[in-house]
PDB file of all heavy atoms in Angstrom:
ATOM      1  N   LEU A   1      10.796 -43.181   1.657  1.00  0.00           N
ATOM      2  CA  LEU A   1      10.781 -41.918   2.393  1.00  0.00           C
ATOM      3  C   LEU A   1      11.859 -41.882   3.471  1.00  0.00           C
ATOM      4  O   LEU A   1      12.088 -42.882   4.169  1.00  0.00           O
ATOM      5  CB  LEU A   1       9.423 -41.697   3.063  1.00  0.00           C
ATOM      6  CG  LEU A   1       8.173 -41.697   2.179  1.00  0.00           C
ATOM      7  CD1 LEU A   1       6.933 -41.497   3.035  1.00  0.00           C
ATOM      8  CD2 LEU A   1       8.264 -40.625   1.102  1.00  0.00           C
ATOM      9  N   SER A   2      12.464 -40.717   3.640  1.00  0.00           N
ATOM     10  CA  SER A   2      13.315 -40.470   4.801  1.00  0.00           C
ATOM     11  C   SER A   2      12.420 -40.212   6.011  1.00  0.00           C
ATOM     12  O   SER A   2      11.213 -39.964   5.860  1.00  0.00           O
ATOM     13  CB  SER A   2      14.198 -39.243   4.544  1.00  0.00           C
ATOM     14  OG  SER A   2      13.390 -38.066   4.494  1.00  0.00           O
ATOM     15  N   PRO A   3      12.942 -40.253   7.229  1.00  0.00           N
ATOM     16  CA  PRO A   3      12.113 -39.931   8.402  1.00  0.00           C
ATOM     17  C   PRO A   3      11.460 -38.553   8.289  1.00  0.00           C
ATOM     18  O   PRO A   3      10.298 -38.382   8.677  1.00  0.00           O
ATOM     19  CB  PRO A   3      13.101 -40.001   9.561  1.00  0.00           C
ATOM     20  CG  PRO A   3      14.129 -40.991   9.116  1.00  0.00           C
ATOM     21  CD  PRO A   3      14.281 -40.739   7.637  1.00  0.00           C
ATOM     22  N   GLU A   4      12.202 -37.588   7.744  1.00  0.00           N
ATOM     23  CA  GLU A   4      11.646 -36.235   7.617  1.00  0.00           C
ATOM     24  C   GLU A   4      10.518 -36.203   6.592  1.00  0.00           C
ATOM     25  O   GLU A   4       9.491 -35.534   6.793  1.00  0.00           O
ATOM     26  CB  GLU A   4      12.751 -35.251   7.220  1.00  0.00           C
ATOM     27  CG  GLU A   4      13.803 -35.009   8.295  1.00  0.00           C
ATOM     28  CD  GLU A   4      14.781 -36.173   8.444  1.00  0.00           C
ATOM     29  OE1 GLU A   4      14.941 -36.953   7.469  1.00  0.00           O
ATOM     30  OE2 GLU A   4      15.369 -36.302   9.538  1.00  0.00           O
ATOM     31  N   GLN A   5      10.709 -36.917   5.482  1.00  0.00           N
ATOM     32  CA  GLN A   5       9.627 -36.982   4.488  1.00  0.00           C
ATOM     33  C   GLN A   5       8.408 -37.713   5.051  1.00  0.00           C
ATOM     34  O   GLN A   5       7.267 -37.333   4.783  1.00  0.00           O
ATOM     35  CB  GLN A   5      10.122 -37.692   3.229  1.00  0.00           C
ATOM     36  CG  GLN A   5      11.072 -36.867   2.382  1.00  0.00           C
ATOM     37  CD  GLN A   5      11.624 -37.656   1.214  1.00  0.00           C
ATOM     38  OE1 GLN A   5      11.921 -38.853   1.333  1.00  0.00           O
ATOM     39  NE2 GLN A   5      11.776 -37.001   0.062  1.00  0.00           N
ATOM     40  N   ALA A   6       8.635 -38.745   5.836  1.00  0.00           N
ATOM     41  CA  ALA A   6       7.517 -39.472   6.451  1.00  0.00           C
ATOM     42  C   ALA A   6       6.733 -38.540   7.374  1.00  0.00           C
ATOM     43  O   ALA A   6       5.491 -38.543   7.364  1.00  0.00           O
ATOM     44  CB  ALA A   6       8.025 -40.681   7.209  1.00  0.00           C
ATOM     45  N   MET A   7       7.435 -37.745   8.169  1.00  0.00           N
ATOM     46  CA  MET A   7       6.752 -36.773   9.033  1.00  0.00           C
ATOM     47  C   MET A   7       5.972 -35.756   8.206  1.00  0.00           C
ATOM     48  O   MET A   7       4.845 -35.388   8.542  1.00  0.00           O
ATOM     49  CB  MET A   7       7.778 -36.056   9.924  1.00  0.00           C
ATOM     50  CG  MET A   7       8.361 -36.892  11.036  1.00  0.00           C
ATOM     51  SD  MET A   7       9.582 -35.956  12.003  1.00  0.00           S
ATOM     52  CE  MET A   7       8.538 -34.697  12.770  1.00  0.00           C
ATOM     53  N   TYR A   8       6.599 -35.298   7.110  1.00  0.00           N
ATOM     54  CA  TYR A   8       5.980 -34.282   6.258  1.00  0.00           C
ATOM     55  C   TYR A   8       4.667 -34.802   5.674  1.00  0.00           C
ATOM     56  O   TYR A   8       3.624 -34.148   5.784  1.00  0.00           O
ATOM     57  CB  TYR A   8       6.944 -33.895   5.137  1.00  0.00           C
ATOM     58  CG  TYR A   8       6.497 -32.732   4.285  1.00  0.00           C
ATOM     59  CD1 TYR A   8       6.961 -31.450   4.527  1.00  0.00           C
ATOM     60  CD2 TYR A   8       5.607 -32.914   3.228  1.00  0.00           C
ATOM     61  CE1 TYR A   8       6.564 -30.373   3.741  1.00  0.00           C
ATOM     62  CE2 TYR A   8       5.192 -31.858   2.440  1.00  0.00           C
ATOM     63  CZ  TYR A   8       5.679 -30.587   2.697  1.00  0.00           C
ATOM     64  OH  TYR A   8       5.257 -29.524   1.922  1.00  0.00           O
ATOM     65  N   TYR A   9       4.712 -35.991   5.058  1.00  0.00           N
ATOM     66  CA  TYR A   9       3.513 -36.498   4.381  1.00  0.00           C
ATOM     67  C   TYR A   9       2.481 -37.047   5.371  1.00  0.00           C
ATOM     68  O   TYR A   9       1.289 -37.090   5.063  1.00  0.00           O
ATOM     69  CB  TYR A   9       3.901 -37.525   3.322  1.00  0.00           C
ATOM     70  CG  TYR A   9       4.454 -36.843   2.085  1.00  0.00           C
ATOM     71  CD1 TYR A   9       5.827 -36.657   1.910  1.00  0.00           C
ATOM     72  CD2 TYR A   9       3.613 -36.319   1.123  1.00  0.00           C
ATOM     73  CE1 TYR A   9       6.340 -36.000   0.804  1.00  0.00           C
ATOM     74  CE2 TYR A   9       4.106 -35.663   0.007  1.00  0.00           C
ATOM     75  CZ  TYR A   9       5.466 -35.497  -0.152  1.00  0.00           C
ATOM     76  OH  TYR A   9       5.958 -34.823  -1.247  1.00  0.00           O
ATOM     77  N   PHE A  10       2.930 -37.431   6.557  1.00  0.00           N
ATOM     78  CA  PHE A  10       1.993 -37.795   7.626  1.00  0.00           C
ATOM     79  C   PHE A  10       1.225 -36.555   8.091  1.00  0.00           C
ATOM     80  O   PHE A  10      -0.001 -36.574   8.228  1.00  0.00           O
ATOM     81  CB  PHE A  10       2.766 -38.425   8.786  1.00  0.00           C
ATOM     82  CG  PHE A  10       1.955 -38.662  10.026  1.00  0.00           C
ATOM     83  CD1 PHE A  10       1.003 -39.674  10.081  1.00  0.00           C
ATOM     84  CD2 PHE A  10       2.155 -37.880  11.153  1.00  0.00           C
ATOM     85  CE1 PHE A  10       0.262 -39.903  11.236  1.00  0.00           C
ATOM     86  CE2 PHE A  10       1.424 -38.099  12.313  1.00  0.00           C
ATOM     87  CZ  PHE A  10       0.475 -39.117  12.361  1.00  0.00           C
ATOM     88  N   LEU A  11       1.959 -35.485   8.326  1.00  0.00           N
ATOM     89  CA  LEU A  11       1.322 -34.238   8.756  1.00  0.00           C
ATOM     90  C   LEU A  11       0.417 -33.676   7.668  1.00  0.00           C
ATOM     91  O   LEU A  11      -0.634 -33.085   7.948  1.00  0.00           O
ATOM     92  CB  LEU A  11       2.407 -33.227   9.127  1.00  0.00           C
ATOM     93  CG  LEU A  11       2.012 -31.987   9.935  1.00  0.00           C
ATOM     94  CD1 LEU A  11       1.284 -32.363  11.213  1.00  0.00           C
ATOM     95  CD2 LEU A  11       3.246 -31.157  10.255  1.00  0.00           C
ATOM     96  N   LEU A  12       0.793 -33.903   6.418  1.00  0.00           N
ATOM     97  CA  LEU A  12       0.017 -33.413   5.285  1.00  0.00           C
ATOM     98  C   LEU A  12      -1.299 -34.191   5.124  1.00  0.00           C
ATOM     99  O   LEU A  12      -2.366 -33.594   4.952  1.00  0.00           O
ATOM    100  CB  LEU A  12       0.849 -33.548   4.007  1.00  0.00           C
ATOM    101  CG  LEU A  12       0.210 -33.084   2.699  1.00  0.00           C
ATOM    102  CD1 LEU A  12       0.095 -31.565   2.681  1.00  0.00           C
ATOM    103  CD2 LEU A  12       1.038 -33.580   1.508  1.00  0.00           C
ATOM    104  N   GLY A  13      -1.222 -35.529   5.148  1.00  0.00           N
ATOM    105  CA  GLY A  13      -2.408 -36.365   4.993  1.00  0.00           C
ATOM    106  C   GLY A  13      -3.089 -36.166   3.650  1.00  0.00           C
ATOM    107  O   GLY A  13      -4.303 -35.948   3.572  1.00  0.00           O
ATOM    108  N   TYR A  14      -2.324 -36.311   2.558  1.00  0.00           N
ATOM    109  CA  TYR A  14      -2.847 -35.999   1.228  1.00  0.00           C
ATOM    110  C   TYR A  14      -3.624 -37.154   0.604  1.00  0.00           C
ATOM    111  O   TYR A  14      -3.200 -38.309   0.630  1.00  0.00           O
ATOM    112  CB  TYR A  14      -1.702 -35.620   0.283  1.00  0.00           C
ATOM    113  CG  TYR A  14      -2.097 -35.644  -1.181  1.00  0.00           C
ATOM    114  CD1 TYR A  14      -3.062 -34.761  -1.671  1.00  0.00           C
ATOM    115  CD2 TYR A  14      -1.550 -36.579  -2.065  1.00  0.00           C
ATOM    116  CE1 TYR A  14      -3.451 -34.797  -3.004  1.00  0.00           C
ATOM    117  CE2 TYR A  14      -1.930 -36.617  -3.394  1.00  0.00           C
ATOM    118  CZ  TYR A  14      -2.888 -35.726  -3.858  1.00  0.00           C
ATOM    119  OH  TYR A  14      -3.283 -35.777  -5.169  1.00  0.00           O
ATOM    120  N   SER A  15      -4.757 -36.834   0.024  1.00  0.00           N
ATOM    121  CA  SER A  15      -5.493 -37.715  -0.875  1.00  0.00           C
ATOM    122  C   SER A  15      -6.315 -36.794  -1.780  1.00  0.00           C
ATOM    123  O   SER A  15      -6.069 -35.580  -1.835  1.00  0.00           O
ATOM    124  CB  SER A  15      -6.369 -38.706  -0.109  1.00  0.00           C
ATOM    125  OG  SER A  15      -6.824 -39.725  -0.987  1.00  0.00           O
ATOM    126  N   THR A  16      -7.304 -37.329  -2.490  1.00  0.00           N
ATOM    127  CA  THR A  16      -8.101 -36.485  -3.387  1.00  0.00           C
ATOM    128  C   THR A  16      -9.570 -36.875  -3.347  1.00  0.00           C
ATOM    129  O   THR A  16      -9.929 -38.035  -3.131  1.00  0.00           O
ATOM    130  CB  THR A  16      -7.616 -36.583  -4.847  1.00  0.00           C
ATOM    131  OG1 THR A  16      -7.336 -37.948  -5.167  1.00  0.00           O
ATOM    132  CG2 THR A  16      -6.385 -35.760  -5.073  1.00  0.00           C
ATOM    133  N   ASN A  17     -10.413 -35.870  -3.563  1.00  0.00           N
ATOM    134  CA  ASN A  17     -11.825 -36.104  -3.861  1.00  0.00           C
ATOM    135  C   ASN A  17     -11.962 -36.230  -5.367  1.00  0.00           C
ATOM    136  O   ASN A  17     -11.297 -35.521  -6.126  1.00  0.00           O
ATOM    137  CB  ASN A  17     -12.689 -34.932  -3.379  1.00  0.00           C
ATOM    138  CG  ASN A  17     -12.767 -34.864  -1.873  1.00  0.00           C
ATOM    139  OD1 ASN A  17     -12.736 -35.879  -1.204  1.00  0.00           O
ATOM    140  ND2 ASN A  17     -12.874 -33.653  -1.336  1.00  0.00           N
ATOM    141  N   ILE A  18     -12.824 -37.133  -5.804  1.00  0.00           N
ATOM    142  CA  ILE A  18     -12.977 -37.344  -7.234  1.00  0.00           C
ATOM    143  C   ILE A  18     -14.417 -37.115  -7.660  1.00  0.00           C
ATOM    144  O   ILE A  18     -15.338 -37.231  -6.846  1.00  0.00           O
ATOM    145  CB  ILE A  18     -12.539 -38.773  -7.646  1.00  0.00           C
ATOM    146  CG1 ILE A  18     -13.423 -39.827  -6.982  1.00  0.00           C
ATOM    147  CG2 ILE A  18     -11.081 -38.996  -7.297  1.00  0.00           C
ATOM    148  CD1 ILE A  18     -13.127 -41.232  -7.447  1.00  0.00           C
ATOM    149  N   PRO A  19     -14.633 -36.750  -8.923  1.00  0.00           N
ATOM    150  CA  PRO A  19     -15.998 -36.543  -9.408  1.00  0.00           C
ATOM    151  C   PRO A  19     -16.849 -37.806  -9.250  1.00  0.00           C
ATOM    152  O   PRO A  19     -16.364 -38.922  -9.409  1.00  0.00           O
ATOM    153  CB  PRO A  19     -15.799 -36.198 -10.896  1.00  0.00           C
ATOM    154  CG  PRO A  19     -14.392 -35.699 -10.993  1.00  0.00           C
ATOM    155  CD  PRO A  19     -13.624 -36.468  -9.969  1.00  0.00           C
ATOM    156  N   GLY A  20     -18.120 -37.593  -8.918  1.00  0.00           N
ATOM    157  CA  GLY A  20     -19.045 -38.716  -8.814  1.00  0.00           C
ATOM    158  C   GLY A  20     -19.265 -39.213  -7.409  1.00  0.00           C
ATOM    159  O   GLY A  20     -20.247 -39.881  -7.122  1.00  0.00           O
ATOM    160  N   ILE A  21     -18.347 -38.886  -6.479  1.00  0.00           N
ATOM    161  CA  ILE A  21     -18.514 -39.313  -5.084  1.00  0.00           C
ATOM    162  C   ILE A  21     -19.260 -38.253  -4.297  1.00  0.00           C
ATOM    163  O   ILE A  21     -20.185 -38.543  -3.546  1.00  0.00           O
ATOM    164  CB  ILE A  21     -17.145 -39.603  -4.439  1.00  0.00           C
ATOM    165  CG1 ILE A  21     -16.422 -40.697  -5.232  1.00  0.00           C
ATOM    166  CG2 ILE A  21     -17.319 -40.016  -2.995  1.00  0.00           C
ATOM    167  CD1 ILE A  21     -17.115 -42.033  -5.247  1.00  0.00           C
ATOM    168  N   GLU A  22     -18.851 -36.997  -4.452  1.00  0.00           N
ATOM    169  CA  GLU A  22     -19.539 -35.886  -3.804  1.00  0.00           C
ATOM    170  C   GLU A  22     -20.205 -35.030  -4.878  1.00  0.00           C
ATOM    171  O   GLU A  22     -19.643 -34.803  -5.951  1.00  0.00           O
ATOM    172  CB  GLU A  22     -18.560 -35.056  -2.968  1.00  0.00           C
ATOM    173  CG  GLU A  22     -17.952 -35.852  -1.811  1.00  0.00           C
ATOM    174  CD  GLU A  22     -17.071 -34.984  -0.922  1.00  0.00           C
ATOM    175  OE1 GLU A  22     -17.116 -33.748  -1.085  1.00  0.00           O
ATOM    176  OE2 GLU A  22     -16.365 -35.532  -0.079  1.00  0.00           O
ATOM    177  N   GLU A  23     -21.399 -34.549  -4.579  1.00  0.00           N
ATOM    178  CA  GLU A  23     -22.230 -33.899  -5.581  1.00  0.00           C
ATOM    179  C   GLU A  23     -21.557 -32.727  -6.274  1.00  0.00           C
ATOM    180  O   GLU A  23     -21.684 -32.546  -7.476  1.00  0.00           O
ATOM    181  CB  GLU A  23     -23.537 -33.427  -4.937  1.00  0.00           C
ATOM    182  CG  GLU A  23     -24.464 -34.573  -4.516  1.00  0.00           C
ATOM    183  CD  GLU A  23     -25.759 -34.058  -3.963  1.00  0.00           C
ATOM    184  OE1 GLU A  23     -25.969 -32.819  -3.985  1.00  0.00           O
ATOM    185  OE2 GLU A  23     -26.571 -34.859  -3.488  1.00  0.00           O
ATOM    186  N   ASP A  24     -20.837 -31.899  -5.534  1.00  0.00           N
ATOM    187  CA  ASP A  24     -20.312 -30.660  -6.089  1.00  0.00           C
ATOM    188  C   ASP A  24     -18.921 -30.809  -6.714  1.00  0.00           C
ATOM    189  O   ASP A  24     -18.351 -29.835  -7.186  1.00  0.00           O
ATOM    190  CB  ASP A  24     -20.264 -29.582  -4.995  1.00  0.00           C
ATOM    191  CG  ASP A  24     -21.653 -29.242  -4.476  1.00  0.00           C
ATOM    192  OD1 ASP A  24     -22.613 -29.364  -5.258  1.00  0.00           O
ATOM    193  OD2 ASP A  24     -21.773 -28.869  -3.296  1.00  0.00           O
ATOM    194  N   VAL A  25     -18.356 -32.011  -6.707  1.00  0.00           N
ATOM    195  CA  VAL A  25     -17.006 -32.207  -7.226  1.00  0.00           C
ATOM    196  C   VAL A  25     -17.082 -32.557  -8.715  1.00  0.00           C
ATOM    197  O   VAL A  25     -17.608 -33.591  -9.096  1.00  0.00           O
ATOM    198  CB  VAL A  25     -16.266 -33.321  -6.452  1.00  0.00           C
ATOM    199  CG1 VAL A  25     -14.878 -33.551  -7.045  1.00  0.00           C
ATOM    200  CG2 VAL A  25     -16.162 -32.955  -4.974  1.00  0.00           C
ATOM    201  N   LYS A  26     -16.565 -31.665  -9.554  1.00  0.00           N
ATOM    202  CA  LYS A  26     -16.606 -31.858 -11.012  1.00  0.00           C
ATOM    203  C   LYS A  26     -15.259 -32.267 -11.585  1.00  0.00           C
ATOM    204  O   LYS A  26     -15.170 -32.766 -12.704  1.00  0.00           O
ATOM    205  CB  LYS A  26     -17.085 -30.566 -11.693  1.00  0.00           C
ATOM    206  CG  LYS A  26     -18.423 -30.049 -11.174  1.00  0.00           C
ATOM    207  CD  LYS A  26     -19.536 -31.073 -11.312  1.00  0.00           C
ATOM    208  CE  LYS A  26     -20.863 -30.520 -10.793  1.00  0.00           C
ATOM    209  NZ  LYS A  26     -21.940 -31.555 -10.820  1.00  0.00           N
ATOM    210  N   GLU A  27     -14.179 -32.009 -10.857  1.00  0.00           N
ATOM    211  CA  GLU A  27     -12.839 -32.400 -11.284  1.00  0.00           C
ATOM    212  C   GLU A  27     -12.048 -32.761 -10.037  1.00  0.00           C
ATOM    213  O   GLU A  27     -12.488 -32.479  -8.919  1.00  0.00           O
ATOM    214  CB  GLU A  27     -12.153 -31.263 -12.047  1.00  0.00           C
ATOM    215  CG  GLU A  27     -12.012 -29.985 -11.260  1.00  0.00           C
ATOM    216  CD  GLU A  27     -11.377 -28.869 -12.075  1.00  0.00           C
ATOM    217  OE1 GLU A  27     -11.490 -28.898 -13.325  1.00  0.00           O
ATOM    218  OE2 GLU A  27     -10.764 -27.987 -11.457  1.00  0.00           O
ATOM    219  N   PRO A  28     -10.888 -33.434 -10.173  1.00  0.00           N
ATOM    220  CA  PRO A  28     -10.136 -33.858  -8.985  1.00  0.00           C
ATOM    221  C   PRO A  28      -9.813 -32.675  -8.069  1.00  0.00           C
ATOM    222  O   PRO A  28      -9.445 -31.596  -8.538  1.00  0.00           O
ATOM    223  CB  PRO A  28      -8.854 -34.466  -9.570  1.00  0.00           C
ATOM    224  CG  PRO A  28      -9.186 -34.798 -10.967  1.00  0.00           C
ATOM    225  CD  PRO A  28     -10.209 -33.814 -11.429  1.00  0.00           C
ATOM    226  N   GLU A  29      -9.968 -32.895  -6.766  1.00  0.00           N
ATOM    227  CA  GLU A  29      -9.650 -31.869  -5.773  1.00  0.00           C
ATOM    228  C   GLU A  29      -8.718 -32.466  -4.731  1.00  0.00           C
ATOM    229  O   GLU A  29      -9.008 -33.531  -4.172  1.00  0.00           O
ATOM    230  CB  GLU A  29     -10.924 -31.371  -5.078  1.00  0.00           C
ATOM    231  CG  GLU A  29     -11.845 -30.548  -5.935  1.00  0.00           C
ATOM    232  CD  GLU A  29     -13.067 -30.066  -5.157  1.00  0.00           C
ATOM    233  OE1 GLU A  29     -13.223 -30.495  -3.986  1.00  0.00           O
ATOM    234  OE2 GLU A  29     -13.842 -29.284  -5.708  1.00  0.00           O
ATOM    235  N   ALA A  30      -7.592 -31.781  -4.490  1.00  0.00           N
ATOM    236  CA  ALA A  30      -6.688 -32.225  -3.432  1.00  0.00           C
ATOM    237  C   ALA A  30      -7.369 -32.035  -2.082  1.00  0.00           C
ATOM    238  O   ALA A  30      -8.016 -31.019  -1.833  1.00  0.00           O
ATOM    239  CB  ALA A  30      -5.388 -31.430  -3.488  1.00  0.00           C
ATOM    240  N   THR A  31      -7.235 -33.030  -1.227  1.00  0.00           N
ATOM    241  CA  THR A  31      -7.771 -32.919   0.125  1.00  0.00           C
ATOM    242  C   THR A  31      -6.655 -33.257   1.107  1.00  0.00           C
ATOM    243  O   THR A  31      -5.854 -34.167   0.862  1.00  0.00           O
ATOM    244  CB  THR A  31      -8.982 -33.841   0.329  1.00  0.00           C
ATOM    245  OG1 THR A  31      -9.470 -33.702   1.663  1.00  0.00           O
ATOM    246  CG2 THR A  31      -8.642 -35.296   0.090  1.00  0.00           C
ATOM    247  N   PHE A  32      -6.599 -32.532   2.188  1.00  0.00           N
ATOM    248  CA  PHE A  32      -5.528 -32.710   3.164  1.00  0.00           C
ATOM    249  C   PHE A  32      -6.144 -32.893   4.546  1.00  0.00           C
ATOM    250  O   PHE A  32      -6.897 -32.049   5.020  1.00  0.00           O
ATOM    251  CB  PHE A  32      -4.588 -31.503   3.153  1.00  0.00           C
ATOM    252  CG  PHE A  32      -4.008 -31.210   1.791  1.00  0.00           C
ATOM    253  CD1 PHE A  32      -4.526 -30.183   1.011  1.00  0.00           C
ATOM    254  CD2 PHE A  32      -2.974 -31.969   1.297  1.00  0.00           C
ATOM    255  CE1 PHE A  32      -4.010 -29.919  -0.240  1.00  0.00           C
ATOM    256  CE2 PHE A  32      -2.445 -31.717   0.039  1.00  0.00           C
ATOM    257  CZ  PHE A  32      -2.964 -30.686  -0.732  1.00  0.00           C
ATOM    258  N   SER A  33      -5.822 -34.006   5.146  1.00  0.00           N
ATOM    259  CA  SER A  33      -6.344 -34.341   6.469  1.00  0.00           C
ATOM    260  C   SER A  33      -5.158 -34.700   7.353  1.00  0.00           C
ATOM    261  O   SER A  33      -4.674 -35.835   7.319  1.00  0.00           O
ATOM    262  CB  SER A  33      -7.326 -35.512   6.376  1.00  0.00           C
ATOM    263  OG  SER A  33      -7.930 -35.765   7.617  1.00  0.00           O
ATOM    264  N   PRO A  34      -4.625 -33.721   8.116  1.00  0.00           N
ATOM    265  CA  PRO A  34      -3.419 -33.966   8.913  1.00  0.00           C
ATOM    266  C   PRO A  34      -3.469 -35.274   9.684  1.00  0.00           C
ATOM    267  O   PRO A  34      -4.491 -35.637  10.272  1.00  0.00           O
ATOM    268  CB  PRO A  34      -3.381 -32.753   9.847  1.00  0.00           C
ATOM    269  CG  PRO A  34      -4.020 -31.655   9.041  1.00  0.00           C
ATOM    270  CD  PRO A  34      -5.131 -32.340   8.282  1.00  0.00           C
ATOM    271  N   CYS A  35      -2.351 -35.981   9.630  1.00  0.00           N
ATOM    272  CA  CYS A  35      -2.194 -37.278  10.307  1.00  0.00           C
ATOM    273  C   CYS A  35      -3.158 -38.320   9.755  1.00  0.00           C
ATOM    274  O   CYS A  35      -3.439 -39.329  10.410  1.00  0.00           O
ATOM    275  CB  CYS A  35      -2.374 -37.138  11.819  1.00  0.00           C
ATOM    276  SG  CYS A  35      -1.375 -35.831  12.566  1.00  0.00           S
ATOM    277  N   PHE A  36      -3.659 -38.092   8.549  1.00  0.00           N
ATOM    278  CA  PHE A  36      -4.628 -38.975   7.898  1.00  0.00           C
ATOM    279  C   PHE A  36      -5.854 -39.208   8.777  1.00  0.00           C
ATOM    280  O   PHE A  36      -6.460 -40.278   8.737  1.00  0.00           O
ATOM    281  CB  PHE A  36      -3.978 -40.311   7.517  1.00  0.00           C
ATOM    282  CG  PHE A  36      -2.902 -40.187   6.478  1.00  0.00           C
ATOM    283  CD1 PHE A  36      -1.563 -40.198   6.835  1.00  0.00           C
ATOM    284  CD2 PHE A  36      -3.231 -40.051   5.142  1.00  0.00           C
ATOM    285  CE1 PHE A  36      -0.566 -40.078   5.875  1.00  0.00           C
ATOM    286  CE2 PHE A  36      -2.236 -39.929   4.172  1.00  0.00           C
ATOM    287  CZ  PHE A  36      -0.907 -39.935   4.539  1.00  0.00           C
ATOM    288  N   GLY A  37      -6.200 -38.177   9.556  1.00  0.00           N
ATOM    289  CA  GLY A  37      -7.359 -38.352  10.436  1.00  0.00           C
ATOM    290  C   GLY A  37      -7.750 -37.084  11.170  1.00  0.00           C
ATOM    291  O   GLY A  37      -8.099 -37.137  12.347  1.00  0.00           O
ATOM    292  N   ALA A  38      -7.715 -35.941  10.479  1.00  0.00           N
ATOM    293  CA  ALA A  38      -7.977 -34.663  11.142  1.00  0.00           C
ATOM    294  C   ALA A  38      -9.298 -34.618  11.911  1.00  0.00           C
ATOM    295  O   ALA A  38      -9.353 -34.068  13.013  1.00  0.00           O
ATOM    296  CB  ALA A  38      -7.922 -33.515  10.127  1.00  0.00           C
ATOM    297  N   PRO A  39     -10.400 -35.181  11.382  1.00  0.00           N
ATOM    298  CA  PRO A  39     -11.662 -35.095  12.134  1.00  0.00           C
ATOM    299  C   PRO A  39     -11.633 -35.825  13.469  1.00  0.00           C
ATOM    300  O   PRO A  39     -12.501 -35.604  14.313  1.00  0.00           O
ATOM    301  CB  PRO A  39     -12.676 -35.753  11.184  1.00  0.00           C
ATOM    302  CG  PRO A  39     -12.074 -35.647   9.832  1.00  0.00           C
ATOM    303  CD  PRO A  39     -10.600 -35.795  10.072  1.00  0.00           C
ATOM    304  N   PHE A  40     -10.644 -36.701  13.666  1.00  0.00           N
ATOM    305  CA  PHE A  40     -10.591 -37.509  14.883  1.00  0.00           C
ATOM    306  C   PHE A  40      -9.545 -37.013  15.877  1.00  0.00           C
ATOM    307  O   PHE A  40      -9.423 -37.577  16.969  1.00  0.00           O
ATOM    308  CB  PHE A  40     -10.280 -38.974  14.534  1.00  0.00           C
ATOM    309  CG  PHE A  40     -10.933 -39.440  13.267  1.00  0.00           C
ATOM    310  CD1 PHE A  40     -10.189 -40.051  12.270  1.00  0.00           C
ATOM    311  CD2 PHE A  40     -12.291 -39.270  13.051  1.00  0.00           C
ATOM    312  CE1 PHE A  40     -10.777 -40.485  11.091  1.00  0.00           C
ATOM    313  CE2 PHE A  40     -12.890 -39.690  11.870  1.00  0.00           C
ATOM    314  CZ  PHE A  40     -12.136 -40.303  10.899  1.00  0.00           C
ATOM    315  N   LEU A  41      -8.774 -36.006  15.494  1.00  0.00           N
ATOM    316  CA  LEU A  41      -7.706 -35.520  16.367  1.00  0.00           C
ATOM    317  C   LEU A  41      -8.284 -34.646  17.477  1.00  0.00           C
ATOM    318  O   LEU A  41      -9.218 -33.887  17.255  1.00  0.00           O
ATOM    319  CB  LEU A  41      -6.679 -34.731  15.569  1.00  0.00           C
ATOM    320  CG  LEU A  41      -6.001 -35.450  14.403  1.00  0.00           C
ATOM    321  CD1 LEU A  41      -4.962 -34.537  13.760  1.00  0.00           C
ATOM    322  CD2 LEU A  41      -5.367 -36.760  14.857  1.00  0.00           C
ATOM    323  N   ALA A  42      -7.703 -34.767  18.639  1.00  0.00           N
ATOM    324  CA  ALA A  42      -8.110 -33.903  19.747  1.00  0.00           C
ATOM    325  C   ALA A  42      -7.030 -32.863  20.036  1.00  0.00           C
ATOM    326  O   ALA A  42      -7.333 -31.729  20.395  1.00  0.00           O
ATOM    327  CB  ALA A  42      -8.383 -34.739  20.996  1.00  0.00           C
TER     328      ALA A  42
END
């Protein structure tokens, strides 16, 4: 990654929810949590 790409994907915080972990998830779902920790940001 370039510095700009690192900032982009850090701000994005991309991962996925997969079937079987959460009850309502039947197929892969993109999930985005800015800075890889949105629930913890102030």
